[in-house]
Amino acid sequence: MKAFLILEDGTVFEGKHIGADKDVVSEIVFNTSMAGYTEVFTDPSYAGQAVCMTYPLIGNYGVCVEDMESERIWVDAVIVRELSHIPSNFRCDMSIQEFLEKYEIPGIEGIDTRALVRILREKGTMNGYITTNENIKYEDIKAKLEAYTTGDVVSKVSCKEKYLVKGVADLSENGPLSGSAVFNKEDYEASRKGDSSKKEKKPAIVKELNGKGFKVALLDFGAKKNIADSLAARGCDVTVYPSNTSAEEILKDNPDGIMLSNGPGDPKECKDIIVEIKKLYDSNKPIFAICLGHQLMALATGADTFKMKYGHRGGNHPVKDLATGRVYISSQNHGYVVDMDKLDKNVAEPAFINVNDGTNEGLAYVGKNIFTVQFHPEACPGPQDSSYLFDRFIEMIKEGGKN
């Protein structure tokens, strides 16, 4: 079946329909990752957006449910050059086509994704309409395209009630250390026959339970599953709170540290949340914030943010630690950034910058046990480059925060 992508500027791409059979209007963005599409599609930060994967072949290893970053797909639609309909991987649970159909997500394949990305890079991120209706004209949907905004997506993706992710009691619960996994044919055959207890565990990078005994509060603005998992793997007990939770309720539970998660949309839309974050800032609790949480903390302390031309989305973005001069390869997904020109240096100092374009990638707060990053240390680019930041957070709790 034919499918069409109609951009806000009137450009039309013709391809083939994939996924669910329905029309969708969304903000069109692109991701440069060569792999990790399961994590991308299930990242709540993509709520309200349709993602174009720039790598030309997507889906060759299928979908492993264990790799999902949330309980469902959050992207509005998927755009690819070529979709692999016959995946080959021992961990594969289903194909992308089956994955998209299961969660009723439409998509389009067979278009020139290079041409699409060039348009978005030259003109900036814009809205688009994906349809299988050959009779739809640009004039018919022009007003709808121009009116579309992602809106209040944080409340949509956040959990509805708080819950606990228990920290591991022994390192063996995390699986083998990276590079030390040994293939066991008998266990593999048993897992293929349905014995989930025999399924090989994902390799771990955690070498010690340095967070054992600590309680961490994670404020969920659209948190990726691996944020809580990264803390739990180090022994921390993580209580996850809905985005509209008051600072008073979080502080009443007396956490040893607080995490502010990633999430979708314009940070300035989160006015009520920003008020609560200022209270958390004033509490002197150790705080570590990622992505949207990083932007919200900046806004709560008087800084500003602005929308980027086409954002950073991919697993290959170099960021520089200004304290050491060391460069890390990072995973990123954001369309907004903190404005360093409007940063009060008495409140916060730049801690990381993007090597490619010099934009802000992290802040260290003066006189506070608070640091924030724009990139995703819970993801696996590098593949272990920035995971040390969770250990840094735990050390910060030990040195200045445990009551």
Protein backbone atom coordinates (compact mmCIF):
# COMPACT_ATOMS: atom_id res chain seq x y z
CA MET A 1 0.00 0.00 0.00
CA LYS A 2 1.28 3.46 -0.88
CA ALA A 3 1.92 5.97 1.88
CA PHE A 4 2.70 9.68 1.81
CA LEU A 5 4.58 12.08 4.06
CA ILE A 6 3.47 15.70 3.55
CA LEU A 7 5.65 18.30 5.24
CA GLU A 8 4.57 21.68 6.54
CA ASP A 9 6.47 23.40 3.70
CA GLY A 10 4.47 21.45 1.09
CA THR A 11 7.12 18.83 0.25
CA VAL A 12 5.61 15.40 -0.45
CA PHE A 13 7.41 12.05 -0.12
CA GLU A 14 5.87 8.88 -1.50
CA GLY A 15 6.71 5.49 -0.02
CA LYS A 16 5.14 2.30 1.30
CA HIS A 17 2.92 1.90 4.31
CA ILE A 18 4.21 0.09 7.40
CA GLY A 19 2.70 -0.45 10.83
CA ALA A 20 -0.88 0.47 11.70
CA ASP A 21 -3.24 1.76 9.04
CA LYS A 22 -4.09 5.26 10.24
CA ASP A 23 -3.24 8.87 9.49
CA VAL A 24 -1.18 10.98 11.87
CA VAL A 25 0.04 14.58 12.14
CA SER A 26 3.20 15.07 14.19
CA GLU A 27 6.47 16.95 14.57
CA ILE A 28 9.04 15.30 12.28
CA VAL A 29 12.50 14.73 13.80
CA PHE A 30 15.46 12.52 12.89
CA ASN A 31 17.76 10.19 14.83
CA THR A 32 21.25 9.27 13.58
CA SER A 33 21.69 6.05 15.58
CA MET A 34 22.72 2.96 13.63
CA ALA A 35 21.12 0.67 16.22
CA GLY A 36 18.91 0.99 19.29
CA TYR A 37 15.65 1.63 17.45
CA THR A 38 13.65 -0.31 20.07
CA GLU A 39 14.94 2.06 22.75
CA VAL A 40 14.20 5.07 20.52
CA PHE A 41 10.63 4.05 19.72
CA THR A 42 9.83 3.38 23.40
CA ASP A 43 11.56 6.50 24.79
CA PRO A 44 8.81 8.72 26.30
CA SER A 45 10.83 11.79 25.27
CA TYR A 46 9.59 11.20 21.69
CA ALA A 47 5.92 11.62 22.64
CA GLY A 48 4.28 13.95 20.12
CA GLN A 49 6.95 13.33 17.48
CA ALA A 50 7.43 11.10 14.43
CA VAL A 51 11.01 9.90 14.11
CA CYS A 52 13.01 9.37 10.93
CA MET A 53 15.88 6.91 11.35
CA THR A 54 18.79 8.05 9.17
CA TYR A 55 20.51 4.65 8.98
CA PRO A 56 19.22 3.10 5.73
CA LEU A 57 18.26 -0.37 7.06
CA ILE A 58 16.24 -0.64 10.24
CA GLY A 59 14.90 -3.78 11.90
CA ASN A 60 17.44 -6.45 10.96
CA TYR A 61 17.75 -7.69 14.56
CA GLY A 62 14.05 -7.31 15.29
CA VAL A 63 12.61 -6.21 18.62
CA CYS A 64 13.65 -7.58 22.01
CA VAL A 65 10.98 -6.68 24.58
CA GLU A 66 13.63 -6.63 27.31
CA ASP A 67 15.23 -3.59 25.65
CA MET A 68 12.09 -1.42 25.80
CA GLU A 69 12.58 1.82 27.74
CA SER A 70 8.90 1.94 28.75
CA GLU A 71 5.76 -0.17 28.55
CA ARG A 72 4.80 0.94 25.04
CA ILE A 73 5.88 2.80 21.89
CA TRP A 74 5.72 6.58 22.34
CA VAL A 75 6.67 7.89 18.88
CA ASP A 76 3.67 8.96 16.78
CA ALA A 77 5.08 7.34 13.64
CA VAL A 78 8.21 5.72 12.20
CA ILE A 79 9.98 6.81 8.99
CA VAL A 80 12.69 4.60 7.44
CA ARG A 81 14.48 4.07 4.13
CA GLU A 82 14.14 0.29 4.27
CA LEU A 83 12.46 -1.91 6.87
CA SER A 84 13.75 -5.41 7.48
CA HIS A 85 10.72 -7.71 7.57
CA ILE A 86 12.75 -10.85 8.37
CA PRO A 87 14.80 -10.17 11.52
CA SER A 88 17.65 -12.46 12.57
CA ASN A 89 18.74 -12.44 16.21
CA PHE A 90 18.51 -15.00 19.01
CA ARG A 91 17.02 -12.36 21.35
CA CYS A 92 14.34 -11.28 18.87
CA ASP A 93 10.73 -11.43 20.14
CA MET A 94 9.03 -9.92 17.08
CA SER A 95 9.64 -7.90 13.92
CA ILE A 96 9.26 -4.12 13.83
CA GLN A 97 6.17 -4.54 11.65
CA GLU A 98 4.57 -6.69 14.37
CA PHE A 99 5.78 -4.23 17.01
CA LEU A 100 4.18 -1.25 15.27
CA GLU A 101 0.94 -3.12 14.67
CA LYS A 102 0.75 -4.21 18.32
CA TYR A 103 0.87 -0.61 19.55
CA GLU A 104 -1.11 0.82 16.60
CA ILE A 105 1.71 3.04 15.34
CA PRO A 106 1.78 3.95 11.61
CA GLY A 107 4.86 4.47 9.50
CA ILE A 108 6.32 4.87 6.04
CA GLU A 109 9.29 3.21 4.34
CA GLY A 110 10.94 3.62 0.97
CA ILE A 111 11.36 7.39 0.98
CA ASP A 112 14.67 9.18 0.51
CA THR A 113 15.49 9.76 4.17
CA ARG A 114 18.66 11.66 3.19
CA ALA A 115 16.56 14.23 1.33
CA LEU A 116 14.15 14.50 4.27
CA VAL A 117 16.96 15.06 6.77
CA ARG A 118 18.55 17.67 4.51
CA ILE A 119 15.28 19.60 4.48
CA LEU A 120 14.99 19.43 8.27
CA ARG A 121 18.61 20.53 8.72
CA GLU A 122 18.24 23.44 6.32
CA LYS A 123 14.75 24.63 7.31
CA GLY A 124 14.52 23.28 10.84
CA THR A 125 12.19 20.79 12.49
CA MET A 126 8.68 21.00 11.07
CA ASN A 127 5.34 19.25 11.28
CA GLY A 128 4.28 16.53 8.86
CA TYR A 129 1.30 14.39 7.92
CA ILE A 130 1.55 10.65 7.20
CA THR A 131 -1.33 9.07 5.29
CA THR A 132 -2.27 6.27 2.89
CA ASN A 133 -4.97 8.43 1.27
CA GLU A 134 -3.78 9.21 -2.25
CA ASN A 135 -6.44 11.90 -2.66
CA ILE A 136 -5.32 14.16 0.20
CA LYS A 137 -3.84 17.45 -0.98
CA TYR A 138 -1.54 19.80 0.88
CA GLU A 139 -4.24 22.48 0.93
CA ASP A 140 -6.59 20.09 2.73
CA ILE A 141 -4.28 19.68 5.73
CA LYS A 142 -2.27 22.93 5.69
CA ALA A 143 -4.17 24.46 8.61
CA LYS A 144 -3.88 21.25 10.65
CA LEU A 145 -0.12 21.08 10.03
CA GLU A 146 0.41 24.69 11.06
CA ALA A 147 -1.72 24.32 14.20
CA TYR A 148 -0.11 21.15 15.57
CA THR A 149 1.97 21.37 18.76
CA THR A 150 3.17 18.61 21.07
CA GLY A 151 1.34 20.32 23.96
CA ASP A 152 1.38 18.99 27.53
CA VAL A 153 3.02 15.64 26.90
CA VAL A 154 4.76 15.28 30.27
CA SER A 155 1.51 14.48 32.10
CA LYS A 156 0.68 12.01 29.33
CA VAL A 157 3.88 9.97 29.69
CA SER A 158 4.46 10.17 33.45
CA CYS A 159 3.44 7.36 35.79
CA LYS A 160 0.09 7.90 37.56
CA GLU A 161 1.12 6.75 41.03
CA LYS A 162 4.43 6.26 42.79
CA TYR A 163 6.14 2.87 42.85
CA LEU A 164 9.36 1.27 44.12
CA VAL A 165 12.21 -0.22 42.12
CA LYS A 166 14.13 -2.28 44.67
CA GLY A 167 17.92 -2.16 44.55
CA VAL A 168 19.77 -5.42 43.92
CA ALA A 169 21.14 -7.19 46.98
CA ASP A 170 23.96 -9.01 45.18
CA LEU A 171 26.01 -8.23 42.06
CA SER A 172 25.02 -11.58 40.54
CA GLU A 173 21.49 -10.22 40.04
CA ASN A 174 22.84 -7.80 37.44
CA GLY A 175 24.13 -10.44 35.04
CA PRO A 176 27.71 -11.01 33.91
CA LEU A 177 30.10 -8.10 33.56
CA SER A 178 30.49 -6.85 30.00
CA GLY A 179 32.88 -9.08 28.09
CA SER A 180 32.58 -12.04 30.47
CA ALA A 181 29.29 -13.59 29.30
CA VAL A 182 29.51 -17.27 28.32
CA PHE A 183 27.03 -18.83 25.89
CA ASN A 184 25.23 -21.84 27.37
CA LYS A 185 23.53 -23.93 24.69
CA GLU A 186 21.28 -25.83 27.10
CA ASP A 187 19.99 -22.67 28.77
CA TYR A 188 19.50 -21.07 25.37
CA GLU A 189 17.41 -24.00 24.12
CA ALA A 190 15.36 -23.97 27.32
CA SER A 191 14.68 -20.25 27.01
CA ARG A 192 13.61 -20.69 23.39
CA LYS A 193 11.08 -23.27 24.60
CA GLY A 194 9.57 -20.79 27.03
CA ASP A 195 11.57 -21.15 30.25
CA SER A 196 12.16 -17.47 31.04
CA SER A 197 14.31 -18.35 34.07
CA LYS A 198 16.96 -19.68 31.66
CA LYS A 199 17.09 -16.56 29.51
CA GLU A 200 20.57 -15.08 29.35
CA LYS A 201 20.87 -11.88 31.38
CA LYS A 202 22.00 -8.67 29.75
CA PRO A 203 25.68 -7.91 30.43
CA ALA A 204 26.25 -5.46 33.27
CA ILE A 205 28.80 -2.67 33.71
CA VAL A 206 28.31 -2.23 37.48
CA LYS A 207 31.25 -3.58 39.49
CA GLU A 208 30.17 -2.70 43.02
CA LEU A 209 27.01 -1.97 44.99
CA ASN A 210 28.17 1.51 45.98
CA GLY A 211 24.59 2.69 46.41
CA LYS A 212 23.41 -0.07 48.73
CA GLY A 213 21.25 1.32 51.52
CA PHE A 214 20.49 4.63 49.80
CA LYS A 215 16.98 5.79 48.94
CA VAL A 216 16.64 7.80 45.72
CA ALA A 217 13.52 9.71 44.65
CA LEU A 218 13.06 9.74 40.85
CA LEU A 219 10.65 12.36 39.54
CA ASP A 220 9.14 10.90 36.37
CA PHE A 221 8.69 13.40 33.52
CA GLY A 222 8.85 10.53 31.03
CA ALA A 223 11.67 8.55 32.58
CA LYS A 224 13.42 5.89 30.55
CA LYS A 225 13.35 2.55 32.35
CA ASN A 226 17.12 2.33 32.40
CA ILE A 227 17.48 5.37 34.70
CA ALA A 228 15.89 3.58 37.64
CA ASP A 229 17.59 0.33 36.59
CA SER A 230 21.03 2.01 36.59
CA LEU A 231 20.54 3.14 40.18
CA ALA A 232 18.97 -0.13 41.30
CA ALA A 233 21.88 -2.06 39.77
CA ARG A 234 24.16 -0.15 42.14
CA GLY A 235 22.02 -1.12 45.13
CA CYS A 236 19.83 2.00 45.47
CA ASP A 237 16.14 1.68 46.31
CA VAL A 238 14.40 3.97 43.81
CA THR A 239 10.93 5.42 44.44
CA VAL A 240 9.44 6.78 41.23
CA TYR A 241 7.02 9.71 41.57
CA PRO A 242 4.46 11.12 39.08
CA SER A 243 5.40 14.42 37.48
CA ASN A 244 2.77 16.38 39.43
CA THR A 245 4.06 15.28 42.85
CA SER A 246 4.70 18.15 45.24
CA ALA A 247 8.16 18.81 46.62
CA GLU A 248 6.70 18.49 50.12
CA GLU A 249 5.55 14.90 49.47
CA ILE A 250 8.94 13.88 48.08
CA LEU A 251 10.88 15.50 50.94
CA LYS A 252 8.50 13.96 53.51
CA ASP A 253 9.74 10.53 52.38
CA ASN A 254 13.28 11.70 53.27
CA PRO A 255 15.22 10.42 50.23
CA ASP A 256 19.02 10.45 50.33
CA GLY A 257 19.11 11.89 46.81
CA ILE A 258 16.73 13.11 44.11
CA MET A 259 16.78 12.45 40.37
CA LEU A 260 14.93 14.51 37.77
CA SER A 261 14.28 12.46 34.65
CA ASN A 262 14.19 13.05 30.94
CA GLY A 263 10.90 13.81 29.20
CA PRO A 264 9.21 15.29 26.12
CA GLY A 265 8.09 18.73 25.00
CA ASP A 266 8.92 22.36 25.68
CA PRO A 267 10.31 22.74 29.23
CA LYS A 268 8.61 26.14 29.60
CA GLU A 269 5.23 24.39 29.39
CA CYS A 270 5.96 22.74 32.78
CA LYS A 271 5.18 25.82 34.89
CA ASP A 272 3.80 24.02 37.96
CA ILE A 273 6.64 21.49 37.91
CA ILE A 274 9.24 24.27 37.79
CA VAL A 275 7.80 25.74 41.00
CA GLU A 276 8.20 22.39 42.79
CA ILE A 277 11.75 21.92 41.47
CA LYS A 278 12.74 25.28 42.97
CA LYS A 279 11.63 23.92 46.35
CA LEU A 280 13.76 20.80 45.82
CA TYR A 281 16.69 23.07 44.89
CA ASP A 282 16.23 24.97 48.17
CA SER A 283 16.08 21.72 50.18
CA ASN A 284 19.84 21.07 49.85
CA LYS A 285 19.22 17.44 48.95
CA PRO A 286 21.73 15.99 46.44
CA ILE A 287 20.13 16.22 42.99
CA PHE A 288 21.10 14.69 39.64
CA ALA A 289 19.04 15.68 36.58
CA ILE A 290 18.97 14.35 33.02
CA CYS A 291 17.71 15.97 29.79
CA LEU A 292 14.33 17.65 30.50
CA GLY A 293 15.13 17.54 34.22
CA HIS A 294 18.34 19.44 33.45
CA GLN A 295 16.36 22.12 31.58
CA LEU A 296 13.70 22.39 34.29
CA MET A 297 16.30 22.89 37.03
CA ALA A 298 17.86 25.66 34.93
CA LEU A 299 14.48 27.37 34.50
CA ALA A 300 13.71 26.96 38.20
CA THR A 301 16.89 28.85 39.11
CA GLY A 302 16.42 31.77 36.73
CA ALA A 303 18.10 30.58 33.53
CA ASP A 304 16.46 30.32 30.11
CA THR A 305 15.99 27.72 27.35
CA PHE A 306 15.37 27.96 23.62
CA LYS A 307 14.32 25.62 20.84
CA MET A 308 17.12 24.35 18.61
CA LYS A 309 16.87 24.35 14.84
CA TYR A 310 16.70 20.56 14.58
CA GLY A 311 18.00 19.28 17.91
CA HIS A 312 20.36 16.48 18.89
CA ARG A 313 19.06 12.92 18.48
CA GLY A 314 21.42 9.98 18.14
CA GLY A 315 23.99 7.81 19.86
CA ASN A 316 27.17 9.48 18.61
CA HIS A 317 27.27 13.01 20.08
CA PRO A 318 30.63 14.03 21.61
CA VAL A 319 30.46 16.03 24.85
CA LYS A 320 33.39 17.59 26.67
CA ASP A 321 33.80 17.59 30.45
CA LEU A 322 35.07 21.13 31.14
CA ALA A 323 36.64 20.08 34.45
CA THR A 324 38.91 17.43 32.94
CA GLY A 325 38.95 18.18 29.21
CA ARG A 326 37.93 14.60 28.51
CA VAL A 327 35.46 13.92 25.68
CA TYR A 328 32.71 11.30 25.96
CA ILE A 329 30.46 9.82 23.29
CA SER A 330 26.86 10.32 24.38
CA SER A 331 23.30 9.38 23.52
CA GLN A 332 21.02 12.38 23.07
CA ASN A 333 17.41 13.21 22.36
CA HIS A 334 16.43 16.85 22.80
CA GLY A 335 15.09 19.77 20.81
CA TYR A 336 15.59 22.42 23.50
CA VAL A 337 18.75 23.62 25.20
CA VAL A 338 19.80 25.85 28.12
CA ASP A 339 20.88 29.33 27.00
CA MET A 340 24.43 29.82 28.33
CA ASP A 341 24.31 33.55 27.47
CA LYS A 342 21.60 34.03 30.12
CA LEU A 343 23.19 31.85 32.80
CA ASP A 344 23.95 33.44 36.17
CA LYS A 345 27.46 32.21 36.94
CA ASN A 346 26.80 32.75 40.64
CA VAL A 347 24.06 30.08 40.46
CA ALA A 348 25.43 27.52 37.99
CA GLU A 349 28.49 26.98 35.84
CA PRO A 350 28.76 25.08 32.54
CA ALA A 351 30.08 21.58 33.20
CA PHE A 352 29.77 19.95 29.75
CA ILE A 353 29.56 21.34 26.22
CA ASN A 354 28.74 19.74 22.89
CA VAL A 355 31.91 19.40 20.84
CA ASN A 356 30.05 19.76 17.54
CA ASP A 357 28.17 23.01 18.09
CA GLY A 358 29.27 24.34 21.50
CA THR A 359 25.80 24.16 23.09
CA ASN A 360 25.39 23.44 26.79
CA GLU A 361 25.41 19.78 27.86
CA GLY A 362 25.50 20.08 31.64
CA LEU A 363 25.62 22.38 34.65
CA ALA A 364 27.25 22.32 38.09
CA TYR A 365 25.37 24.38 40.69
CA VAL A 366 27.45 26.67 42.86
CA GLY A 367 27.39 25.81 46.57
CA LYS A 368 24.92 22.98 45.99
CA ASN A 369 25.08 19.19 45.73
CA ILE A 370 23.45 19.45 42.32
CA PHE A 371 24.68 18.61 38.84
CA THR A 372 22.68 18.17 35.65
CA VAL A 373 23.37 16.84 32.15
CA GLN A 374 21.61 17.22 28.82
CA PHE A 375 22.69 13.82 27.48
CA HIS A 376 21.74 10.29 28.59
CA PRO A 377 24.26 8.47 30.82
CA GLU A 378 21.79 5.58 31.27
CA ALA A 379 22.03 4.73 27.55
CA CYS A 380 24.96 2.79 26.09
CA PRO A 381 26.93 4.83 23.56
CA GLY A 382 30.61 4.33 23.90
CA PRO A 383 29.17 1.96 25.29
CA GLN A 384 30.18 2.82 28.87
CA ASP A 385 31.42 6.38 28.44
CA SER A 386 29.15 8.35 30.78
CA SER A 387 27.64 5.74 33.11
CA TYR A 388 30.16 6.92 35.72
CA LEU A 389 27.83 9.86 36.38
CA PHE A 390 25.55 7.59 38.42
CA ASP A 391 28.55 6.70 40.57
CA ARG A 392 29.35 10.39 40.89
CA PHE A 393 25.79 11.01 42.11
CA ILE A 394 26.13 8.26 44.71
CA GLU A 395 29.46 9.69 45.87
CA MET A 396 27.79 13.09 46.20
CA ILE A 397 25.15 11.50 48.45
CA LYS A 398 27.87 9.90 50.58
CA GLU A 399 29.91 13.07 50.93
CA GLY A 400 27.27 15.68 51.51
CA GLY A 401 23.77 14.39 51.56
CA LYS A 402 23.06 11.39 53.73
CA ASN A 403 21.06 12.37 56.80
